[in-house]
Amino acid sequence: MRHALIFFFLFSLNVSFAADPLPSWNAGPAKDAIINYVKCATNDGCPLYVPPKERIAVFDNDGTLWSEQPAYFQLLFALDRVRALADQHPEWKTEQPFKAVLENDYKSIAASGKAGLLKIMAVTHSGMTTDEFENTVRNWMKTARHPEKQVPYTSLVFQPMLELLDFLRANGFKTYIVSGGGIDFLRVWAEDVYGIPPEQVIGSSIKVKLEQRDGKPVLVRQAEINFIDDKEGKPVGIHRFIGRVPVIAFGNSDGDLQMLQWTDRRENTLKVLVHHTDAKREYAYDRNSHMGRLNKALQEGKEKGWTIIDMQRDWKRIYPKPAKD
């Protein structure tokens, strides 16, 4: 009965968007679900109506807003930092996991597990001030190239998602990034690329300490984890930094499952998974991937009727021009 009421309301609406708000999306169930939800959620009287102050939309970053293969881009940044600092650390030629990084031995890097990756992150992300780290990330973003596509990493954002972010904001939704990636890494470029300001970025973090350098206060990054914004950490981060349960949540992996479940705890919500199915234009992976594994979330999404985007079917193009699809 509820679905019938929603359908009737949408059918009877005299409101229409002046132009297609999602031109890089193919017509189909995913596009319809998003547009119809926004139409209903922003029209008082519709069964899905959401008051403006509650229009919170959260997005995972890696694999949801930009690509994440063959490795998370922040990890590739960290590996580049190891190589850049290698001359200052001759011991790395024999010490793992740094030896594997310098030899481009990605199998051994992966085999080092979480402990090895945290060791790399601690060495490459700490010891500098927050301003120094910001400048390092900004310079890397300008010069680094994706190892396979040979384009800047910011060229590998998803054009359909950029359109979606604009569409939501135009209809009164506040858009947040909720990522397992580092908050300080994301904040450097998220506003320029996504239109999401630093205060609306939630991510993993390391501890910082206030120090005086040359008579001025600075924040110095420490080699100690402060907060991991992944899996069960995502609802914690949303509660801590937003203080409202979202009404829209987008993810692409099992690391986003708890965020989608947290959104699903309230009524009148939209839960969406991005399924990477396009090996030709991007990458095709899900259950067996070492990055962005999508298994449990895909199963639960199908069982609960969440919207699942098939990239090959639902997106006319993957990346903005001039990056090649």
Protein backbone atom coordinates (compact mmCIF):
# COMPACT_ATOMS: atom_id res chain seq x y z
CA MET A 1 0.00 0.00 0.00
CA ARG A 2 2.85 2.38 0.92
CA HIS A 3 4.58 1.83 -2.44
CA ALA A 4 1.29 2.46 -4.24
CA LEU A 5 0.89 5.79 -2.42
CA ILE A 6 4.40 6.84 -3.34
CA PHE A 7 3.86 5.90 -6.99
CA PHE A 8 0.57 7.81 -7.08
CA PHE A 9 2.18 10.88 -5.54
CA LEU A 10 5.07 10.87 -8.00
CA PHE A 11 2.71 10.36 -10.92
CA SER A 12 0.55 13.28 -9.82
CA LEU A 13 3.41 15.68 -9.15
CA ASN A 14 3.40 18.73 -11.36
CA VAL A 15 7.04 19.34 -10.41
CA SER A 16 9.59 18.47 -13.06
CA PHE A 17 13.30 19.17 -13.39
CA ALA A 18 14.12 21.70 -16.11
CA ALA A 19 16.70 19.37 -17.63
CA ASP A 20 18.01 15.90 -17.00
CA PRO A 21 19.92 16.31 -13.69
CA LEU A 22 21.93 13.14 -14.33
CA PRO A 23 22.92 13.25 -18.01
CA SER A 24 25.75 10.70 -17.66
CA TRP A 25 23.31 8.08 -16.34
CA ASN A 26 21.44 5.69 -18.61
CA ALA A 27 17.69 5.40 -18.12
CA GLY A 28 16.86 2.51 -15.83
CA PRO A 29 15.91 1.43 -12.30
CA ALA A 30 18.94 2.98 -10.58
CA LYS A 31 18.50 6.43 -12.11
CA ASP A 32 14.73 6.28 -11.57
CA ALA A 33 15.15 5.28 -7.92
CA ILE A 34 17.46 8.23 -7.21
CA ILE A 35 15.45 10.88 -9.03
CA ASN A 36 12.12 9.64 -7.68
CA TYR A 37 13.46 9.57 -4.14
CA VAL A 38 14.72 13.15 -4.39
CA LYS A 39 11.42 14.32 -5.92
CA CYS A 40 9.44 12.73 -3.11
CA ALA A 41 11.82 13.58 -0.26
CA THR A 42 11.72 17.28 -1.14
CA ASN A 43 7.96 17.64 -1.59
CA ASP A 44 5.88 18.09 1.57
CA GLY A 45 2.95 15.69 1.46
CA CYS A 46 4.85 12.85 -0.19
CA PRO A 47 5.18 9.72 2.00
CA LEU A 48 8.99 9.99 1.75
CA TYR A 49 9.20 13.69 2.63
CA VAL A 50 12.31 14.66 4.60
CA PRO A 51 12.50 18.05 6.38
CA PRO A 52 15.41 20.19 5.11
CA LYS A 53 17.39 19.95 8.35
CA GLU A 54 17.41 16.14 8.07
CA ARG A 55 18.57 15.94 4.45
CA ILE A 56 21.93 14.33 5.12
CA ALA A 57 23.64 12.30 2.38
CA VAL A 58 26.83 10.32 3.09
CA PHE A 59 29.26 8.91 0.53
CA ASP A 60 32.15 6.54 0.79
CA ASN A 61 35.08 7.80 -1.30
CA ASP A 62 37.30 4.99 -2.62
CA GLY A 63 35.37 3.04 -5.23
CA THR A 64 32.25 5.18 -4.75
CA LEU A 65 33.32 8.66 -5.82
CA TRP A 66 36.55 7.72 -7.61
CA SER A 67 38.41 4.58 -8.66
CA GLU A 68 40.32 2.43 -6.17
CA GLN A 69 42.24 -0.07 -8.31
CA PRO A 70 44.90 -1.44 -8.43
CA ALA A 71 45.23 -0.05 -4.88
CA TYR A 72 43.69 2.71 -2.79
CA PHE A 73 45.12 5.97 -4.06
CA GLN A 74 46.23 7.09 -0.61
CA LEU A 75 48.24 3.88 -0.33
CA LEU A 76 49.89 4.67 -3.66
CA PHE A 77 50.67 8.13 -2.26
CA ALA A 78 52.30 6.49 0.78
CA LEU A 79 54.36 4.18 -1.44
CA ASP A 80 55.57 7.17 -3.46
CA ARG A 81 56.54 8.85 -0.20
CA VAL A 82 58.62 5.79 0.79
CA ARG A 83 60.49 6.03 -2.50
CA ALA A 84 60.99 9.80 -2.08
CA LEU A 85 62.40 9.35 1.44
CA ALA A 86 64.51 6.26 0.68
CA ASP A 87 67.83 8.12 0.43
CA GLN A 88 67.39 9.24 4.05
CA HIS A 89 66.78 5.64 5.18
CA PRO A 90 69.39 3.22 3.81
CA GLU A 91 68.08 0.58 6.24
CA TRP A 92 64.93 0.30 4.16
CA LYS A 93 66.85 -1.65 1.51
CA THR A 94 66.69 -4.69 3.82
CA GLU A 95 63.77 -3.84 6.13
CA GLN A 96 60.24 -4.97 5.28
CA PRO A 97 57.79 -3.75 4.16
CA PHE A 98 59.96 -0.91 2.83
CA LYS A 99 62.22 -3.29 0.90
CA ALA A 100 59.17 -4.58 -0.97
CA VAL A 101 58.07 -1.02 -1.79
CA LEU A 102 61.46 -0.09 -3.21
CA GLU A 103 61.49 -3.27 -5.30
CA ASN A 104 57.89 -2.75 -6.48
CA ASP A 105 57.05 -6.13 -4.94
CA TYR A 106 53.31 -5.59 -4.48
CA LYS A 107 52.71 -9.20 -3.51
CA SER A 108 54.99 -8.85 -0.49
CA ILE A 109 53.46 -5.47 0.37
CA ALA A 110 50.03 -7.12 0.47
CA ALA A 111 51.46 -10.03 2.46
CA SER A 112 52.69 -7.62 5.14
CA GLY A 113 49.04 -7.21 6.10
CA LYS A 114 47.51 -4.46 8.21
CA ALA A 115 50.63 -4.17 10.39
CA GLY A 116 52.84 -3.54 7.38
CA LEU A 117 50.48 -0.99 5.87
CA LEU A 118 50.16 0.86 9.18
CA LYS A 119 53.95 0.92 9.42
CA ILE A 120 54.16 2.50 5.97
CA MET A 121 51.46 5.02 6.84
CA ALA A 122 53.10 5.90 10.16
CA VAL A 123 56.47 6.63 8.55
CA THR A 124 55.14 8.54 5.56
CA HIS A 125 52.28 10.45 7.19
CA SER A 126 53.79 11.53 10.53
CA GLY A 127 56.52 13.82 11.83
CA MET A 128 55.46 16.81 9.73
CA THR A 129 53.10 19.60 10.57
CA THR A 130 49.57 19.55 9.23
CA ASP A 131 50.50 22.40 6.86
CA GLU A 132 53.53 20.49 5.58
CA PHE A 133 51.40 17.39 5.02
CA GLU A 134 48.77 19.41 3.15
CA ASN A 135 51.43 20.86 0.84
CA THR A 136 52.93 17.41 0.24
CA VAL A 137 49.56 15.95 -0.73
CA ARG A 138 48.71 18.94 -2.92
CA ASN A 139 51.99 18.68 -4.82
CA TRP A 140 51.59 14.92 -5.25
CA MET A 141 48.11 15.39 -6.66
CA LYS A 142 49.48 17.82 -9.25
CA THR A 143 52.32 15.59 -10.43
CA ALA A 144 51.47 11.93 -9.74
CA ARG A 145 49.93 9.69 -12.39
CA HIS A 146 47.85 6.55 -12.05
CA PRO A 147 50.15 3.54 -12.68
CA GLU A 148 47.86 2.00 -15.30
CA LYS A 149 45.77 4.80 -16.82
CA GLN A 150 48.59 7.36 -16.74
CA VAL A 151 46.35 10.30 -15.85
CA PRO A 152 46.16 12.45 -12.69
CA TYR A 153 44.27 10.75 -9.89
CA THR A 154 41.71 13.54 -9.79
CA SER A 155 40.82 12.66 -13.41
CA LEU A 156 39.54 9.33 -12.11
CA VAL A 157 36.54 10.68 -10.24
CA PHE A 158 33.21 9.37 -11.48
CA GLN A 159 31.32 11.86 -13.65
CA PRO A 160 27.89 10.37 -12.77
CA MET A 161 28.64 10.86 -9.07
CA LEU A 162 29.74 14.47 -9.59
CA GLU A 163 26.37 15.10 -11.22
CA LEU A 164 24.61 13.35 -8.36
CA LEU A 165 26.38 15.47 -5.72
CA ASP A 166 25.32 18.64 -7.54
CA PHE A 167 21.76 17.33 -7.92
CA LEU A 168 21.43 16.57 -4.23
CA ARG A 169 22.84 19.90 -3.10
CA ALA A 170 20.52 21.73 -5.50
CA ASN A 171 17.64 20.04 -3.67
CA GLY A 172 18.73 20.95 -0.16
CA PHE A 173 20.80 17.91 0.79
CA LYS A 174 24.04 18.30 2.70
CA THR A 175 26.70 15.97 1.26
CA TYR A 176 29.38 14.33 3.40
CA ILE A 177 32.30 12.04 2.66
CA VAL A 178 32.57 9.17 5.15
CA SER A 179 35.72 7.30 4.18
CA GLY A 180 38.21 4.82 5.54
CA GLY A 181 40.85 7.01 3.93
CA GLY A 182 42.77 9.63 5.85
CA ILE A 183 40.79 12.73 6.73
CA ASP A 184 43.74 15.10 6.19
CA PHE A 185 44.52 13.51 2.82
CA LEU A 186 40.93 13.95 1.64
CA ARG A 187 40.44 17.47 2.95
CA VAL A 188 43.23 18.82 0.74
CA TRP A 189 41.31 18.32 -2.49
CA ALA A 190 37.71 17.25 -1.73
CA GLU A 191 36.26 20.75 -2.01
CA ASP A 192 37.92 21.48 -5.36
CA VAL A 193 36.97 18.10 -6.86
CA TYR A 194 33.62 17.25 -5.23
CA GLY A 195 32.41 20.58 -3.85
CA ILE A 196 32.49 19.07 -0.34
CA PRO A 197 34.14 21.42 2.20
CA PRO A 198 36.67 20.15 4.77
CA GLU A 199 34.19 20.26 7.65
CA GLN A 200 32.00 17.76 5.77
CA VAL A 201 34.76 15.18 5.39
CA ILE A 202 34.92 12.32 7.89
CA GLY A 203 37.83 9.90 7.66
CA SER A 204 40.47 7.94 9.52
CA SER A 205 43.01 9.99 11.43
CA ILE A 206 46.30 9.87 13.28
CA LYS A 207 46.95 11.83 16.44
CA VAL A 208 48.29 15.38 16.29
CA LYS A 209 50.12 17.37 18.94
CA LEU A 210 50.34 21.13 19.41
CA GLU A 211 53.95 22.39 19.41
CA GLN A 212 55.74 25.73 19.20
CA ARG A 213 58.07 26.10 16.22
CA ASP A 214 59.84 29.39 15.54
CA GLY A 215 57.55 31.04 18.05
CA LYS A 216 54.38 29.89 16.31
CA PRO A 217 51.90 27.15 17.24
CA VAL A 218 51.74 24.22 14.83
CA LEU A 219 50.03 20.85 14.85
CA VAL A 220 52.47 17.97 14.38
CA ARG A 221 51.29 14.61 13.09
CA GLN A 222 52.15 11.68 15.37
CA ALA A 223 52.90 8.05 14.45
CA GLU A 224 49.81 6.84 16.31
CA ILE A 225 46.35 5.96 15.03
CA ASN A 226 43.54 8.11 16.43
CA PHE A 227 40.41 6.77 14.68
CA ILE A 228 39.65 4.21 11.95
CA ASP A 229 36.61 5.32 9.95
CA ASP A 230 35.83 1.99 8.32
CA LYS A 231 33.22 -0.75 8.79
CA GLU A 232 31.71 -0.33 12.28
CA GLY A 233 33.70 2.89 12.63
CA LYS A 234 31.58 4.64 9.98
CA PRO A 235 28.36 4.87 12.04
CA VAL A 236 30.51 5.99 14.98
CA GLY A 237 32.05 8.73 12.86
CA ILE A 238 28.66 9.81 11.52
CA HIS A 239 27.27 10.05 15.06
CA ARG A 240 30.33 11.85 16.38
CA PHE A 241 30.75 14.42 13.63
CA ILE A 242 27.28 14.82 12.07
CA GLY A 243 24.91 13.96 14.91
CA ARG A 244 22.09 12.83 12.61
CA VAL A 245 21.26 9.54 10.94
CA PRO A 246 21.61 10.04 7.15
CA VAL A 247 18.69 9.60 4.78
CA ILE A 248 20.93 8.78 1.80
CA ALA A 249 24.01 6.54 1.87
CA PHE A 250 26.23 5.46 -1.02
CA GLY A 251 28.95 2.81 -0.78
CA ASN A 252 30.62 0.13 -2.87
CA SER A 253 32.13 -2.45 -0.53
CA ASP A 254 31.71 -4.51 2.61
CA GLY A 255 33.55 -1.72 4.41
CA ASP A 256 30.45 0.41 3.84
CA LEU A 257 27.91 -2.17 4.99
CA GLN A 258 27.54 -0.85 8.53
CA MET A 259 27.03 2.71 7.22
CA LEU A 260 24.24 1.47 4.94
CA GLN A 261 22.71 -0.53 7.80
CA TRP A 262 22.89 2.54 10.05
CA THR A 263 21.02 4.57 7.43
CA ASP A 264 18.51 1.75 6.98
CA ARG A 265 17.54 1.90 10.66
CA ARG A 266 15.28 4.86 9.96
CA GLU A 267 12.40 5.12 7.49
CA ASN A 268 12.31 7.09 4.24
CA THR A 269 15.92 6.45 3.22
CA LEU A 270 17.84 5.64 0.05
CA LYS A 271 20.64 3.05 0.23
CA VAL A 272 22.83 2.59 -2.85
CA LEU A 273 25.73 0.33 -3.79
CA VAL A 274 28.08 1.03 -6.70
CA HIS A 275 28.90 -2.33 -8.35
CA HIS A 276 32.07 -2.28 -10.45
CA THR A 277 31.13 -4.30 -13.54
CA ASP A 278 32.93 -2.45 -16.34
CA ALA A 279 36.31 -4.03 -17.08
CA LYS A 280 36.67 -2.10 -20.33
CA ARG A 281 36.13 1.47 -19.12
CA GLU A 282 37.14 1.03 -15.46
CA TYR A 283 37.51 -2.26 -13.53
CA ALA A 284 35.27 -5.26 -12.85
CA TYR A 285 35.46 -6.76 -9.35
CA ASP A 286 33.40 -7.66 -6.30
CA ARG A 287 33.59 -10.75 -4.06
CA ASN A 288 37.22 -11.76 -4.61
CA SER A 289 38.87 -8.36 -4.87
CA HIS A 290 41.78 -7.44 -2.60
CA MET A 291 40.57 -3.83 -2.72
CA GLY A 292 36.93 -2.86 -2.27
CA ARG A 293 35.60 -6.38 -1.74
CA LEU A 294 31.83 -6.44 -2.27
CA ASN A 295 30.32 -9.65 -0.91
CA LYS A 296 28.16 -9.38 2.21
CA ALA A 297 26.90 -5.92 1.31
CA LEU A 298 25.89 -7.07 -2.17
CA GLN A 299 23.97 -10.00 -0.75
CA GLU A 300 22.22 -7.91 1.90
CA GLY A 301 21.52 -5.15 -0.62
CA LYS A 302 19.74 -7.60 -2.91
CA GLU A 303 17.78 -9.11 -0.03
CA LYS A 304 16.65 -5.72 1.31
CA GLY A 305 15.94 -4.09 -2.02
CA TRP A 306 18.66 -1.46 -1.90
CA THR A 307 19.49 0.28 -5.17
CA ILE A 308 22.46 -1.33 -6.91
CA ILE A 309 24.25 0.59 -9.64
CA ASP A 310 25.67 -1.59 -12.40
CA MET A 311 28.42 0.64 -13.78
CA GLN A 312 28.49 -0.99 -17.20
CA ARG A 313 24.73 -0.80 -17.63
CA ASP A 314 23.80 2.37 -15.74
CA TRP A 315 26.54 4.86 -16.60
CA LYS A 316 26.97 6.39 -20.08
CA ARG A 317 30.45 7.51 -19.17
CA ILE A 318 32.71 6.80 -16.21
CA TYR A 319 35.15 9.71 -16.01
CA PRO A 320 34.94 13.41 -16.83
CA LYS A 321 36.51 14.58 -20.06
CA PRO A 322 39.32 14.58 -21.10
CA ALA A 323 40.19 11.39 -19.17
CA LYS A 324 39.55 8.36 -21.36
CA ASP A 325 36.76 5.91 -20.43
